[in-house]
Amino acid sequence: MRHAQHPSAVSLLFLAACDPLIRKFDVTPADLPCAGNVTVTWQGDAAGGHLVADKPVSPPLPDPAPDQGSQVVTVQQTTTFGYFYPGAGHREKTVVVHTNAPAKSLHFTGQCLSGSNTPAFTTASISAAEIPGFITNLQTDADWPVHVFINGQEIPLQAGGGPIGGVPGGVPAAGTYTIQVPGLAGQLVCKEAGGGGGPSGGGTVDVPPVNVIVTGSCGG
């Protein structure tokens, strides 16, 4: 004998089946060195979902929202975003905004081709997303003075330390960095290379790697 379902059970099943689902919700990037822009992307079964943020964002998110979309907003601090349908699906994403001055360690390797020359090093880069503002400090772990070249600016660093005479103002941190060990210091670094480089002369030796920590500012 087949039993009839209780009316309230049927109603609950019907409502559960009709609740709109969240198909996609993302906020990228999830980590920012400074205040900046993130992209909020969402997709649900129906219009009327709610997009919220626990800190002010600009421009405001649409609320209620269409069934799908994407919007770029500016965040000033760590912010948690949410997308939900009342009584149904709910998702959250948090964007971490760092409050300390952004910094990045650059790693350089080098070679000496001759005992009479200074070493030649690889290059390294910083993107505007990593440090969007200007250089505020540089530090090296090299045992000898190092000159850093970036955006047409030469910045000399003392051995195992920071800038000699400070960092010039207004030098963007983003760009491609090169370094040199100039003059007598460079020749001392390369003294083990012996005479002449190249396939016939020999004498090529690796030099100890150099790390330079670049500290920047948030914005211009």
Foldseek 3Di string as FASTA:
>chain_A
DDDDDDVVVVVVVVVQVPDKDWPDWDKPDQEFQFWDKIKIWTAIPAFQKAKDKPDDKPPDDDHRGGRTDMDMIIDGAWMKIWIGDVPDDIDIGIRHYDDDFFKDKDKKKWKDQALQDFIFIDKDWDACRRAVFAWQWKFKQAQAKKWKDWPNDTFIQGHRTITDVGDDPDHGRGDMMGMTRDDPRRSVQLNQQHHGGDPPPGSMDIGDMMMMMTTHHHHD
